N, C-alpha and C. Protein backbone atom coordinates (compact mmCIF):
# COMPACT_ATOMS: atom_id res chain seq x y z
N MET A 1 -8.09 -1.77 -29.10
CA MET A 1 -6.83 -1.68 -28.39
C MET A 1 -6.83 -2.55 -27.14
N VAL A 2 -8.00 -2.60 -26.42
CA VAL A 2 -8.06 -3.37 -25.22
C VAL A 2 -7.96 -4.84 -25.49
N ILE A 3 -8.58 -5.31 -26.59
CA ILE A 3 -8.48 -6.70 -26.93
C ILE A 3 -7.07 -7.06 -27.35
N GLU A 4 -6.38 -6.14 -28.02
CA GLU A 4 -4.97 -6.37 -28.41
C GLU A 4 -4.16 -6.57 -27.14
N VAL A 5 -4.35 -5.69 -26.19
CA VAL A 5 -3.57 -5.78 -24.91
C VAL A 5 -3.85 -7.11 -24.25
N ALA A 6 -5.15 -7.47 -24.15
CA ALA A 6 -5.52 -8.76 -23.57
C ALA A 6 -4.86 -9.92 -24.26
N ARG A 7 -4.79 -9.86 -25.59
CA ARG A 7 -4.19 -10.91 -26.36
C ARG A 7 -2.66 -10.98 -26.08
N GLU A 8 -2.03 -9.86 -25.93
CA GLU A 8 -0.58 -9.84 -25.60
C GLU A 8 -0.30 -10.41 -24.22
N VAL A 9 -1.18 -10.13 -23.26
CA VAL A 9 -0.99 -10.63 -21.94
C VAL A 9 -1.26 -12.14 -21.86
N PHE A 10 -2.38 -12.53 -22.47
CA PHE A 10 -2.81 -13.92 -22.41
C PHE A 10 -3.56 -14.23 -23.68
N PRO A 11 -2.90 -14.82 -24.69
CA PRO A 11 -3.52 -15.00 -25.97
C PRO A 11 -4.90 -15.64 -25.98
N GLU A 12 -5.14 -16.63 -25.10
CA GLU A 12 -6.44 -17.25 -25.04
C GLU A 12 -7.50 -16.28 -24.62
N TRP A 13 -7.17 -15.40 -23.70
CA TRP A 13 -8.12 -14.37 -23.23
C TRP A 13 -8.46 -13.44 -24.37
N GLY A 14 -7.47 -12.97 -25.09
CA GLY A 14 -7.72 -12.09 -26.24
C GLY A 14 -8.64 -12.74 -27.26
N GLU A 15 -8.37 -14.03 -27.50
CA GLU A 15 -9.20 -14.77 -28.48
C GLU A 15 -10.66 -14.85 -27.96
N ARG A 16 -10.85 -15.14 -26.66
CA ARG A 16 -12.21 -15.19 -26.16
C ARG A 16 -12.90 -13.84 -26.28
N LEU A 17 -12.17 -12.74 -25.98
CA LEU A 17 -12.81 -11.44 -26.12
C LEU A 17 -13.17 -11.14 -27.57
N GLU A 18 -12.31 -11.56 -28.49
CA GLU A 18 -12.58 -11.35 -29.93
C GLU A 18 -13.84 -12.13 -30.31
N GLN A 19 -13.98 -13.32 -29.84
CA GLN A 19 -15.17 -14.12 -30.12
C GLN A 19 -16.43 -13.48 -29.57
N MET A 20 -16.31 -12.93 -28.35
CA MET A 20 -17.44 -12.25 -27.72
C MET A 20 -17.86 -11.01 -28.52
N ARG A 21 -16.84 -10.30 -29.04
CA ARG A 21 -17.15 -9.12 -29.82
C ARG A 21 -18.02 -9.50 -31.00
N ALA A 22 -17.76 -10.61 -31.64
CA ALA A 22 -18.49 -11.05 -32.80
C ALA A 22 -19.87 -11.63 -32.41
N SER A 23 -19.91 -12.42 -31.33
CA SER A 23 -21.17 -13.13 -31.02
C SER A 23 -22.01 -12.49 -29.92
N ASP A 24 -21.39 -11.84 -28.97
CA ASP A 24 -22.19 -11.31 -27.81
C ASP A 24 -21.54 -10.04 -27.28
N PRO A 25 -21.77 -8.89 -27.95
CA PRO A 25 -21.14 -7.65 -27.50
C PRO A 25 -21.40 -7.28 -26.05
N GLU A 26 -22.59 -7.65 -25.55
CA GLU A 26 -22.89 -7.32 -24.14
C GLU A 26 -21.98 -8.10 -23.21
N ALA A 27 -21.73 -9.37 -23.55
CA ALA A 27 -20.80 -10.17 -22.74
C ALA A 27 -19.40 -9.61 -22.83
N LEU A 28 -19.04 -9.08 -24.00
CA LEU A 28 -17.71 -8.44 -24.13
C LEU A 28 -17.62 -7.23 -23.21
N GLU A 29 -18.70 -6.39 -23.16
CA GLU A 29 -18.71 -5.23 -22.30
C GLU A 29 -18.51 -5.62 -20.85
N ARG A 30 -19.22 -6.68 -20.43
CA ARG A 30 -19.09 -7.15 -19.03
C ARG A 30 -17.70 -7.65 -18.74
N ALA A 31 -17.14 -8.39 -19.69
CA ALA A 31 -15.79 -8.98 -19.46
C ALA A 31 -14.75 -7.88 -19.43
N VAL A 32 -14.89 -6.88 -20.29
CA VAL A 32 -13.91 -5.82 -20.29
C VAL A 32 -14.14 -4.93 -19.07
N ALA A 33 -15.37 -4.66 -18.67
CA ALA A 33 -15.63 -3.84 -17.53
C ALA A 33 -15.02 -4.40 -16.27
N SER A 34 -15.07 -5.72 -16.11
CA SER A 34 -14.50 -6.31 -14.89
C SER A 34 -12.97 -6.19 -14.80
N ASN A 35 -12.33 -5.94 -15.97
CA ASN A 35 -10.90 -5.79 -15.98
C ASN A 35 -10.49 -4.41 -16.59
N ALA A 36 -11.43 -3.54 -16.63
CA ALA A 36 -11.23 -2.27 -17.37
C ALA A 36 -10.03 -1.50 -16.88
N ARG A 37 -9.92 -1.30 -15.61
CA ARG A 37 -8.84 -0.46 -15.05
C ARG A 37 -7.48 -1.01 -15.47
N ARG A 38 -7.26 -2.27 -15.33
CA ARG A 38 -5.99 -2.88 -15.67
C ARG A 38 -5.72 -2.82 -17.18
N LEU A 39 -6.76 -3.17 -18.00
CA LEU A 39 -6.58 -3.18 -19.43
C LEU A 39 -6.34 -1.77 -19.97
N PHE A 40 -7.10 -0.80 -19.51
CA PHE A 40 -6.91 0.56 -20.02
C PHE A 40 -5.54 1.14 -19.55
N SER A 41 -5.20 0.79 -18.32
CA SER A 41 -3.83 1.23 -17.85
C SER A 41 -2.72 0.65 -18.70
N LEU A 42 -2.89 -0.63 -19.05
CA LEU A 42 -1.89 -1.24 -19.89
C LEU A 42 -1.90 -0.64 -21.26
N ALA A 43 -3.09 -0.35 -21.79
CA ALA A 43 -3.19 0.24 -23.14
C ALA A 43 -2.51 1.57 -23.18
N MET A 44 -2.68 2.41 -22.14
CA MET A 44 -2.04 3.71 -22.04
C MET A 44 -0.53 3.55 -21.90
N LEU A 45 -0.14 2.61 -21.08
CA LEU A 45 1.29 2.36 -20.84
C LEU A 45 1.96 1.90 -22.15
N ARG A 46 1.25 1.09 -22.92
CA ARG A 46 1.75 0.59 -24.20
C ARG A 46 2.13 1.77 -25.12
N ARG A 47 1.30 2.82 -25.07
CA ARG A 47 1.56 3.99 -25.92
C ARG A 47 2.68 4.87 -25.34
N ARG A 48 2.65 5.06 -24.01
CA ARG A 48 3.57 6.02 -23.41
C ARG A 48 4.91 5.48 -23.06
N ASN A 49 5.00 4.21 -22.70
CA ASN A 49 6.28 3.67 -22.25
C ASN A 49 6.36 2.20 -22.65
N PRO A 50 6.68 1.94 -23.92
CA PRO A 50 6.67 0.53 -24.43
C PRO A 50 7.58 -0.40 -23.62
N GLU A 51 8.70 0.10 -23.15
CA GLU A 51 9.62 -0.76 -22.42
C GLU A 51 8.99 -1.24 -21.10
N LEU A 52 8.37 -0.31 -20.40
CA LEU A 52 7.69 -0.65 -19.13
C LEU A 52 6.49 -1.56 -19.43
N TYR A 53 5.77 -1.27 -20.51
CA TYR A 53 4.64 -2.08 -20.91
C TYR A 53 5.06 -3.55 -21.12
N GLU A 54 6.15 -3.78 -21.84
CA GLU A 54 6.64 -5.13 -22.07
C GLU A 54 6.94 -5.85 -20.77
N LEU A 55 7.58 -5.10 -19.81
CA LEU A 55 7.88 -5.73 -18.52
C LEU A 55 6.59 -6.10 -17.78
N LYS A 56 5.60 -5.22 -17.82
CA LYS A 56 4.32 -5.50 -17.13
C LYS A 56 3.61 -6.70 -17.75
N VAL A 57 3.66 -6.77 -19.09
CA VAL A 57 2.99 -7.93 -19.75
C VAL A 57 3.71 -9.20 -19.36
N THR A 58 5.04 -9.18 -19.36
CA THR A 58 5.82 -10.36 -18.96
C THR A 58 5.52 -10.74 -17.51
N GLU A 59 5.39 -9.72 -16.63
CA GLU A 59 5.05 -9.96 -15.23
C GLU A 59 3.72 -10.70 -15.11
N LEU A 60 2.71 -10.20 -15.86
CA LEU A 60 1.39 -10.81 -15.81
C LEU A 60 1.40 -12.25 -16.36
N ARG A 61 2.14 -12.46 -17.44
CA ARG A 61 2.26 -13.83 -17.95
C ARG A 61 2.88 -14.75 -16.92
N ASN A 62 3.95 -14.25 -16.30
CA ASN A 62 4.62 -15.07 -15.28
C ASN A 62 3.69 -15.37 -14.11
N GLN A 63 2.91 -14.36 -13.74
CA GLN A 63 1.95 -14.55 -12.60
C GLN A 63 0.98 -15.71 -12.97
N MET A 64 0.49 -15.70 -14.22
CA MET A 64 -0.43 -16.75 -14.64
C MET A 64 0.24 -18.11 -14.67
N GLU A 65 1.47 -18.14 -15.12
CA GLU A 65 2.21 -19.39 -15.17
C GLU A 65 2.51 -19.89 -13.75
N LEU A 66 2.86 -18.99 -12.83
CA LEU A 66 3.08 -19.38 -11.45
C LEU A 66 1.79 -19.93 -10.84
N ARG A 67 0.65 -19.33 -11.19
CA ARG A 67 -0.62 -19.83 -10.70
C ARG A 67 -0.88 -21.24 -11.21
N ARG A 68 -0.58 -21.46 -12.49
CA ARG A 68 -0.75 -22.78 -13.12
C ARG A 68 0.16 -23.80 -12.42
N LEU A 69 1.42 -23.42 -12.23
CA LEU A 69 2.38 -24.32 -11.53
C LEU A 69 1.95 -24.61 -10.11
N SER A 70 1.37 -23.61 -9.44
CA SER A 70 0.88 -23.78 -8.06
C SER A 70 -0.26 -24.84 -8.02
N GLU A 71 -1.15 -24.78 -9.05
CA GLU A 71 -2.22 -25.73 -9.13
C GLU A 71 -1.66 -27.14 -9.43
N ALA A 72 -0.65 -27.18 -10.29
CA ALA A 72 -0.03 -28.45 -10.61
C ALA A 72 0.65 -29.06 -9.37
N MET A 73 1.30 -28.20 -8.54
CA MET A 73 1.92 -28.66 -7.33
C MET A 73 0.88 -29.24 -6.37
N ALA A 74 -0.23 -28.53 -6.22
CA ALA A 74 -1.31 -28.97 -5.33
C ALA A 74 -1.83 -30.34 -5.83
N ALA A 75 -1.97 -30.46 -7.14
CA ALA A 75 -2.49 -31.72 -7.70
C ALA A 75 -1.48 -32.89 -7.46
N LEU A 76 -0.19 -32.60 -7.64
CA LEU A 76 0.80 -33.63 -7.40
C LEU A 76 0.81 -34.09 -5.95
N ARG A 77 0.77 -33.12 -5.06
CA ARG A 77 0.76 -33.47 -3.63
C ARG A 77 -0.53 -34.21 -3.24
N GLY A 78 -1.63 -33.77 -3.80
CA GLY A 78 -2.90 -34.38 -3.52
C GLY A 78 -2.96 -35.82 -4.04
N ALA A 79 -2.25 -36.08 -5.12
CA ALA A 79 -2.22 -37.42 -5.73
C ALA A 79 -1.13 -38.29 -5.05
N GLY A 80 -0.41 -37.70 -4.13
CA GLY A 80 0.64 -38.47 -3.46
C GLY A 80 1.85 -38.75 -4.35
N ALA A 81 2.19 -37.82 -5.22
CA ALA A 81 3.25 -38.00 -6.19
C ALA A 81 4.60 -38.19 -5.46
N GLU A 82 5.53 -38.79 -6.18
CA GLU A 82 6.84 -39.02 -5.63
C GLU A 82 7.58 -37.71 -5.47
N GLU A 83 8.51 -37.69 -4.55
CA GLU A 83 9.32 -36.48 -4.25
C GLU A 83 10.09 -36.03 -5.51
N GLU A 84 10.46 -36.94 -6.37
CA GLU A 84 11.23 -36.60 -7.57
C GLU A 84 10.40 -35.68 -8.48
N ALA A 85 9.11 -36.07 -8.68
CA ALA A 85 8.22 -35.27 -9.52
C ALA A 85 7.97 -33.90 -8.87
N ILE A 86 7.77 -33.93 -7.58
CA ILE A 86 7.54 -32.66 -6.84
C ILE A 86 8.79 -31.80 -6.89
N GLY A 87 9.94 -32.37 -6.76
CA GLY A 87 11.23 -31.64 -6.81
C GLY A 87 11.45 -31.01 -8.19
N ALA A 88 11.09 -31.69 -9.28
CA ALA A 88 11.22 -31.14 -10.60
C ALA A 88 10.33 -29.95 -10.79
N LEU A 89 9.11 -30.05 -10.29
CA LEU A 89 8.17 -28.93 -10.40
C LEU A 89 8.59 -27.76 -9.52
N ARG A 90 9.14 -28.10 -8.34
CA ARG A 90 9.66 -27.04 -7.42
C ARG A 90 10.80 -26.26 -8.14
N ALA A 91 11.66 -26.97 -8.88
CA ALA A 91 12.73 -26.33 -9.61
C ALA A 91 12.19 -25.36 -10.67
N GLN A 92 11.14 -25.79 -11.37
CA GLN A 92 10.49 -24.89 -12.36
C GLN A 92 9.96 -23.66 -11.68
N ILE A 93 9.28 -23.87 -10.54
CA ILE A 93 8.68 -22.76 -9.81
C ILE A 93 9.76 -21.82 -9.32
N ARG A 94 10.89 -22.32 -8.86
CA ARG A 94 11.99 -21.45 -8.38
C ARG A 94 12.54 -20.62 -9.50
N VAL A 95 12.73 -21.19 -10.68
CA VAL A 95 13.22 -20.44 -11.83
C VAL A 95 12.26 -19.29 -12.17
N LEU A 96 10.99 -19.64 -12.26
CA LEU A 96 9.99 -18.65 -12.62
C LEU A 96 9.83 -17.59 -11.52
N ALA A 97 9.88 -18.01 -10.24
CA ALA A 97 9.80 -17.08 -9.12
C ALA A 97 10.97 -16.10 -9.15
N THR A 98 12.15 -16.58 -9.46
CA THR A 98 13.33 -15.73 -9.60
C THR A 98 13.13 -14.70 -10.72
N GLU A 99 12.65 -15.16 -11.87
CA GLU A 99 12.37 -14.26 -12.97
C GLU A 99 11.33 -13.19 -12.55
N GLN A 100 10.31 -13.62 -11.84
CA GLN A 100 9.22 -12.72 -11.42
C GLN A 100 9.76 -11.64 -10.51
N VAL A 101 10.52 -12.02 -9.50
CA VAL A 101 11.03 -11.03 -8.58
C VAL A 101 11.98 -10.06 -9.33
N ASP A 102 12.82 -10.59 -10.21
CA ASP A 102 13.70 -9.71 -10.99
C ASP A 102 12.91 -8.72 -11.89
N LEU A 103 11.83 -9.26 -12.48
CA LEU A 103 10.95 -8.37 -13.30
C LEU A 103 10.33 -7.29 -12.44
N GLU A 104 9.84 -7.66 -11.28
CA GLU A 104 9.20 -6.69 -10.37
C GLU A 104 10.17 -5.60 -10.01
N LEU A 105 11.43 -5.96 -9.73
CA LEU A 105 12.43 -4.99 -9.39
C LEU A 105 12.76 -4.07 -10.54
N ARG A 106 12.89 -4.66 -11.74
CA ARG A 106 13.16 -3.84 -12.94
C ARG A 106 11.97 -2.92 -13.23
N THR A 107 10.78 -3.41 -13.06
CA THR A 107 9.57 -2.61 -13.31
C THR A 107 9.54 -1.42 -12.33
N ARG A 108 9.81 -1.69 -11.06
CA ARG A 108 9.81 -0.61 -10.09
C ARG A 108 10.89 0.45 -10.41
N ALA A 109 12.03 0.00 -10.87
CA ALA A 109 13.10 0.94 -11.23
C ALA A 109 12.69 1.79 -12.40
N LEU A 110 12.04 1.20 -13.42
CA LEU A 110 11.55 1.97 -14.55
C LEU A 110 10.46 2.93 -14.14
N GLU A 111 9.55 2.49 -13.29
CA GLU A 111 8.47 3.35 -12.81
C GLU A 111 9.05 4.55 -12.03
N LEU A 112 10.06 4.30 -11.20
CA LEU A 112 10.70 5.39 -10.44
C LEU A 112 11.41 6.36 -11.40
N ALA A 113 12.04 5.83 -12.43
CA ALA A 113 12.73 6.69 -13.39
C ALA A 113 11.71 7.55 -14.13
N ALA A 114 10.55 6.98 -14.48
CA ALA A 114 9.51 7.75 -15.12
C ALA A 114 8.92 8.84 -14.22
N MET A 115 8.78 8.48 -12.96
CA MET A 115 8.32 9.48 -11.97
C MET A 115 9.33 10.62 -11.81
N ASP A 116 10.59 10.23 -11.77
CA ASP A 116 11.65 11.21 -11.62
C ASP A 116 11.65 12.15 -12.81
N ASP A 117 11.47 11.60 -14.01
CA ASP A 117 11.40 12.39 -15.23
C ASP A 117 10.19 13.34 -15.18
N ALA A 118 9.03 12.83 -14.77
CA ALA A 118 7.86 13.67 -14.66
C ALA A 118 8.04 14.80 -13.66
N LEU A 119 8.71 14.49 -12.55
CA LEU A 119 8.97 15.53 -11.53
C LEU A 119 9.93 16.56 -12.08
N ARG A 120 10.90 16.17 -12.81
CA ARG A 120 11.83 17.13 -13.47
C ARG A 120 11.06 18.04 -14.41
N ARG A 121 10.20 17.43 -15.25
CA ARG A 121 9.41 18.24 -16.20
C ARG A 121 8.47 19.23 -15.46
N MET A 122 7.89 18.76 -14.35
CA MET A 122 7.01 19.63 -13.60
C MET A 122 7.82 20.81 -13.01
N LYS A 123 9.03 20.55 -12.49
CA LYS A 123 9.86 21.62 -11.99
C LYS A 123 10.23 22.59 -13.08
N ASP A 124 10.57 22.08 -14.26
CA ASP A 124 10.88 22.93 -15.40
C ASP A 124 9.66 23.82 -15.79
N GLU A 125 8.46 23.19 -15.79
CA GLU A 125 7.25 23.94 -16.07
C GLU A 125 6.99 25.02 -15.07
N LEU A 126 7.25 24.69 -13.80
CA LEU A 126 7.08 25.70 -12.72
C LEU A 126 8.04 26.86 -12.95
N ALA A 127 9.29 26.55 -13.31
CA ALA A 127 10.24 27.63 -13.56
C ALA A 127 9.78 28.48 -14.73
N THR A 128 9.30 27.85 -15.79
CA THR A 128 8.80 28.57 -16.95
C THR A 128 7.63 29.46 -16.56
N ASP A 129 6.66 28.86 -15.82
CA ASP A 129 5.53 29.63 -15.39
C ASP A 129 5.93 30.79 -14.45
N THR A 130 6.87 30.53 -13.62
CA THR A 130 7.34 31.59 -12.71
C THR A 130 7.97 32.72 -13.50
N ASN A 131 8.74 32.39 -14.50
CA ASN A 131 9.38 33.42 -15.38
C ASN A 131 8.36 34.16 -16.20
N ALA A 132 7.20 33.52 -16.49
CA ALA A 132 6.18 34.16 -17.29
C ALA A 132 5.08 34.78 -16.41
N ARG A 133 5.32 34.90 -15.15
CA ARG A 133 4.32 35.36 -14.17
C ARG A 133 3.74 36.69 -14.58
N ALA A 134 4.59 37.67 -14.87
CA ALA A 134 4.11 39.03 -15.21
C ALA A 134 3.25 38.98 -16.49
N ALA A 135 3.68 38.23 -17.48
CA ALA A 135 2.90 38.12 -18.73
C ALA A 135 1.57 37.42 -18.48
N SER A 136 1.57 36.45 -17.59
CA SER A 136 0.30 35.76 -17.24
C SER A 136 -0.66 36.70 -16.56
N ILE A 137 -0.11 37.51 -15.63
CA ILE A 137 -0.99 38.47 -14.92
C ILE A 137 -1.56 39.49 -15.93
N ASP A 138 -0.69 40.01 -16.79
CA ASP A 138 -1.12 40.99 -17.81
C ASP A 138 -2.22 40.40 -18.69
N ALA A 139 -2.03 39.16 -19.14
CA ALA A 139 -2.99 38.52 -20.05
C ALA A 139 -4.30 38.33 -19.32
N MET A 140 -4.26 37.93 -18.07
CA MET A 140 -5.49 37.69 -17.34
C MET A 140 -6.25 39.02 -17.10
N VAL A 141 -5.51 40.05 -16.69
CA VAL A 141 -6.14 41.34 -16.46
C VAL A 141 -6.76 41.90 -17.74
N GLU A 142 -6.02 41.78 -18.85
CA GLU A 142 -6.54 42.24 -20.13
C GLU A 142 -7.77 41.51 -20.56
N ALA A 143 -7.79 40.18 -20.37
CA ALA A 143 -8.95 39.39 -20.73
C ALA A 143 -10.17 39.81 -19.90
N ILE A 144 -9.97 39.97 -18.61
CA ILE A 144 -11.09 40.35 -17.71
C ILE A 144 -11.61 41.74 -18.09
N GLU A 145 -10.69 42.69 -18.36
CA GLU A 145 -11.09 44.05 -18.70
C GLU A 145 -11.87 44.10 -20.03
N SER A 146 -11.55 43.19 -20.95
CA SER A 146 -12.25 43.16 -22.21
C SER A 146 -13.49 42.31 -22.21
N GLY A 147 -13.85 41.72 -21.06
CA GLY A 147 -15.07 40.98 -20.95
C GLY A 147 -14.94 39.51 -21.34
N ARG A 148 -13.76 39.07 -21.64
CA ARG A 148 -13.53 37.66 -21.96
C ARG A 148 -13.20 36.88 -20.69
N PRO A 149 -13.42 35.58 -20.69
CA PRO A 149 -12.99 34.83 -19.51
C PRO A 149 -11.44 34.81 -19.48
N PRO A 150 -10.89 34.75 -18.29
CA PRO A 150 -9.41 34.68 -18.21
C PRO A 150 -8.85 33.56 -19.07
N ALA A 151 -7.67 33.71 -19.58
CA ALA A 151 -7.07 32.71 -20.46
C ALA A 151 -6.83 31.36 -19.79
N ASP A 152 -6.74 31.34 -18.47
CA ASP A 152 -6.53 30.04 -17.80
C ASP A 152 -7.88 29.38 -17.52
N ASP A 153 -8.96 29.98 -17.90
CA ASP A 153 -10.31 29.41 -17.82
C ASP A 153 -10.46 28.42 -18.94
N PRO A 154 -10.70 27.14 -18.71
CA PRO A 154 -10.80 26.14 -19.77
C PRO A 154 -11.85 26.53 -20.78
N ALA A 155 -12.86 27.25 -20.44
CA ALA A 155 -13.89 27.62 -21.41
C ALA A 155 -13.42 28.64 -22.42
N SER A 156 -12.30 29.37 -22.10
CA SER A 156 -11.86 30.39 -22.98
C SER A 156 -11.15 29.88 -24.24
N GLY A 157 -10.55 28.70 -24.13
CA GLY A 157 -9.80 28.13 -25.26
C GLY A 157 -8.47 28.82 -25.45
N GLU A 158 -8.15 29.76 -24.62
CA GLU A 158 -6.86 30.46 -24.77
C GLU A 158 -5.84 29.87 -23.79
N ARG A 159 -4.64 30.23 -23.96
CA ARG A 159 -3.52 29.73 -23.13
C ARG A 159 -2.79 30.88 -22.50
N VAL A 160 -2.53 30.76 -21.20
CA VAL A 160 -1.71 31.74 -20.50
C VAL A 160 -0.27 31.49 -20.85
N PRO A 161 0.53 32.59 -21.08
CA PRO A 161 1.93 32.38 -21.38
C PRO A 161 2.57 31.51 -20.28
N GLY A 162 3.34 30.54 -20.70
CA GLY A 162 4.02 29.66 -19.75
C GLY A 162 3.17 28.46 -19.30
N GLU A 163 1.91 28.41 -19.74
CA GLU A 163 1.04 27.32 -19.33
C GLU A 163 1.51 26.00 -19.93
N ARG A 164 1.35 24.92 -19.19
CA ARG A 164 1.69 23.61 -19.74
C ARG A 164 0.82 23.28 -20.93
N ARG A 165 1.42 22.71 -21.93
CA ARG A 165 0.69 22.38 -23.14
C ARG A 165 0.01 21.04 -23.07
N ASP A 166 0.44 20.17 -22.20
CA ASP A 166 -0.13 18.81 -22.14
C ASP A 166 -1.08 18.69 -20.92
N ARG A 167 -1.79 19.72 -20.63
CA ARG A 167 -2.67 19.78 -19.48
C ARG A 167 -3.77 18.70 -19.62
N SER A 168 -4.05 18.07 -18.51
CA SER A 168 -5.13 17.08 -18.52
C SER A 168 -6.50 17.76 -18.63
N ALA A 169 -7.54 16.99 -18.52
CA ALA A 169 -8.92 17.55 -18.65
C ALA A 169 -9.13 18.71 -17.69
N PRO A 170 -9.89 19.71 -18.11
CA PRO A 170 -10.14 20.88 -17.25
C PRO A 170 -10.78 20.43 -15.95
N ARG A 171 -10.45 21.15 -14.88
CA ARG A 171 -11.03 20.88 -13.57
C ARG A 171 -11.75 22.14 -13.08
N ASP A 172 -12.74 21.89 -12.23
CA ASP A 172 -13.44 23.02 -11.60
C ASP A 172 -12.49 23.54 -10.55
N ARG A 173 -12.07 24.77 -10.68
CA ARG A 173 -11.09 25.35 -9.78
C ARG A 173 -11.72 26.15 -8.64
N GLY A 174 -12.99 26.38 -8.70
CA GLY A 174 -13.68 27.15 -7.63
C GLY A 174 -13.26 28.60 -7.71
N PRO A 175 -13.57 29.35 -6.61
CA PRO A 175 -13.23 30.81 -6.62
C PRO A 175 -11.72 30.97 -6.65
N MET A 176 -11.32 32.12 -7.20
CA MET A 176 -9.87 32.43 -7.35
C MET A 176 -9.31 32.72 -5.98
N PRO A 177 -8.17 32.14 -5.64
CA PRO A 177 -7.53 32.43 -4.37
C PRO A 177 -6.84 33.78 -4.42
N PRO A 178 -6.42 34.30 -3.28
CA PRO A 178 -5.70 35.59 -3.30
C PRO A 178 -4.35 35.38 -3.99
N PRO A 179 -3.76 36.48 -4.55
CA PRO A 179 -2.51 36.39 -5.26
C PRO A 179 -1.41 35.86 -4.33
N LEU A 180 -0.46 35.12 -4.90
CA LEU A 180 0.66 34.58 -4.20
C LEU A 180 1.87 35.46 -4.42
N PRO A 181 2.81 35.48 -3.42
CA PRO A 181 4.03 36.21 -3.69
C PRO A 181 4.90 35.45 -4.68
N PRO A 182 5.88 36.09 -5.34
CA PRO A 182 6.73 35.40 -6.26
C PRO A 182 7.38 34.18 -5.60
N VAL A 183 7.63 33.16 -6.42
CA VAL A 183 8.16 31.88 -5.95
C VAL A 183 9.58 31.73 -6.44
N ALA A 184 10.43 31.28 -5.51
CA ALA A 184 11.83 30.98 -5.86
C ALA A 184 11.86 29.51 -6.30
N VAL A 185 12.39 29.23 -7.44
CA VAL A 185 12.49 27.85 -7.97
C VAL A 185 13.82 27.25 -7.66
N PRO A 186 13.86 26.08 -7.03
CA PRO A 186 15.16 25.50 -6.65
C PRO A 186 15.95 25.08 -7.87
């Protein structure tokens, strides 16, 4: 999946990684490790939000093209090129810079919409958990009285009524805090 993402961002990079996989797996590990966070983030984004993924890939491609054009501009100026050639390259850079800024704005808007959606889901889950408070307390007390770990204990494999179903990896929660008063959900 990581090589696929690399290929979509920059085809030559994906091809190099593919060659490394065949000829030098250790070099592939090093190459992927140096870009692991970005590649894995993109791979996850590809699955979860394809529209945002496409924008991010296009942003990265544009960044690479802007870098290439920047190098070309430096080479033209260093070679003492005529203003006409520099002006033509400047026009290309302006078009691509405009696209890049527009992409970044669209990406931020999509990211904010996704965050807003996640916040709404979390509020809904809190309301569900609040409504299931009594059942959760009963289930926990019953589990403890019967000698089983509480249902919200990741080791139990059980689920507390109202618990989120898409919970991330279990976390060490430390000692149990004192009970909280009922919560009003906005």
